[in-house]
Amino acid sequence: MSDHLDVKKEGDLVDDIPSPCVRNCCLDNAEICLGCFRSLTEILLWNRATQIQKRAILAQSLSRKNSREAALKGF
């Protein structure tokens, strides 16, 4: 097995998807990081998450980022 792969659970092969953390951590009132747009729960889950969960977290954080940028353009 390749060094960059890890087996988290039986039958759950997980690539080493890097954390989206940009080291600009600041949570808003909804506990969303203004640097990576993950929720506090997602940040805490990251190191235990499966590849599927990580991809879902990344999709959700991108959605949050796009929504926040769109809202800021309205000002």
Protein backbone atom coordinates (compact mmCIF):
# COMPACT_ATOMS: atom_id res chain seq x y z
CA MET A 1 0.00 0.00 0.00
CA SER A 2 1.25 3.50 -0.78
CA ASP A 3 2.53 5.69 2.08
CA HIS A 4 0.04 8.49 1.32
CA LEU A 5 -2.97 6.23 1.82
CA ASP A 6 -4.45 5.21 5.13
CA VAL A 7 -7.19 2.80 6.11
CA LYS A 8 -9.49 4.51 8.63
CA LYS A 9 -12.08 1.71 8.87
CA GLU A 10 -12.41 -1.66 7.24
CA GLY A 11 -13.09 -1.07 3.55
CA ASP A 12 -12.72 2.72 3.86
CA LEU A 13 -9.60 3.69 1.93
CA VAL A 14 -8.79 7.35 2.44
CA ASP A 15 -6.45 9.61 0.45
CA ASP A 16 -4.51 12.17 2.39
CA ILE A 17 -6.59 15.20 1.39
CA PRO A 18 -4.80 18.24 2.83
CA SER A 19 -6.55 20.49 5.29
CA PRO A 20 -7.96 23.69 3.77
CA CYS A 21 -6.71 25.65 6.79
CA VAL A 22 -4.99 28.89 5.74
CA ARG A 23 -3.81 29.74 9.28
CA ASN A 24 -6.14 32.75 9.42
CA CYS A 25 -8.43 31.38 12.10
CA CYS A 26 -11.20 33.64 13.30
CA LEU A 27 -14.70 32.34 14.02
CA ASP A 28 -17.78 34.41 13.27
CA ASN A 29 -20.95 34.36 15.40
CA ALA A 30 -22.09 31.15 13.67
CA GLU A 31 -18.75 29.45 14.50
CA ILE A 32 -17.58 29.53 10.87
CA CYS A 33 -13.89 30.18 10.30
CA LEU A 34 -13.34 33.32 8.22
CA GLY A 35 -10.12 31.84 6.82
CA CYS A 36 -11.23 28.45 5.50
CA PHE A 37 -15.04 28.75 5.91
CA ARG A 38 -15.36 25.46 7.79
CA SER A 39 -17.57 25.20 10.84
CA LEU A 40 -15.95 24.53 14.19
CA THR A 41 -17.45 21.03 14.10
CA GLU A 42 -15.92 20.39 10.65
CA ILE A 43 -12.52 21.65 11.81
CA LEU A 44 -12.58 19.30 14.79
CA LEU A 45 -13.73 16.36 12.62
CA TRP A 46 -11.14 16.85 9.85
CA ASN A 47 -8.40 14.51 11.11
CA ARG A 48 -10.88 11.65 11.64
CA ALA A 49 -12.96 12.28 8.51
CA THR A 50 -13.13 9.87 5.60
CA GLN A 51 -12.32 10.99 2.07
CA ILE A 52 -16.04 11.32 1.34
CA GLN A 53 -16.59 13.41 4.46
CA LYS A 54 -13.60 15.64 3.63
CA ARG A 55 -14.91 16.25 0.12
CA ALA A 56 -18.32 17.15 1.56
CA ILE A 57 -16.69 19.54 4.04
CA LEU A 58 -14.70 21.17 1.23
CA ALA A 59 -17.84 21.58 -0.89
CA GLN A 60 -19.76 23.10 2.01
CA SER A 61 -16.92 25.48 2.89
CA LEU A 62 -16.67 26.63 -0.74
CA SER A 63 -20.42 27.25 -0.75
CA ARG A 64 -20.11 29.32 2.44
CA LYS A 65 -17.22 31.30 0.97
CA ASN A 66 -19.15 32.06 -2.22
CA SER A 67 -22.24 33.09 -0.24
CA ARG A 68 -20.23 35.41 1.99
CA GLU A 69 -18.46 37.01 -0.99
CA ALA A 70 -21.79 37.52 -2.79
CA ALA A 71 -23.28 39.12 0.34
CA LEU A 72 -20.30 41.46 0.67
CA LYS A 73 -20.67 42.58 -2.96
CA GLY A 74 -24.18 43.75 -2.10
CA PHE A 75 -22.83 46.37 0.31
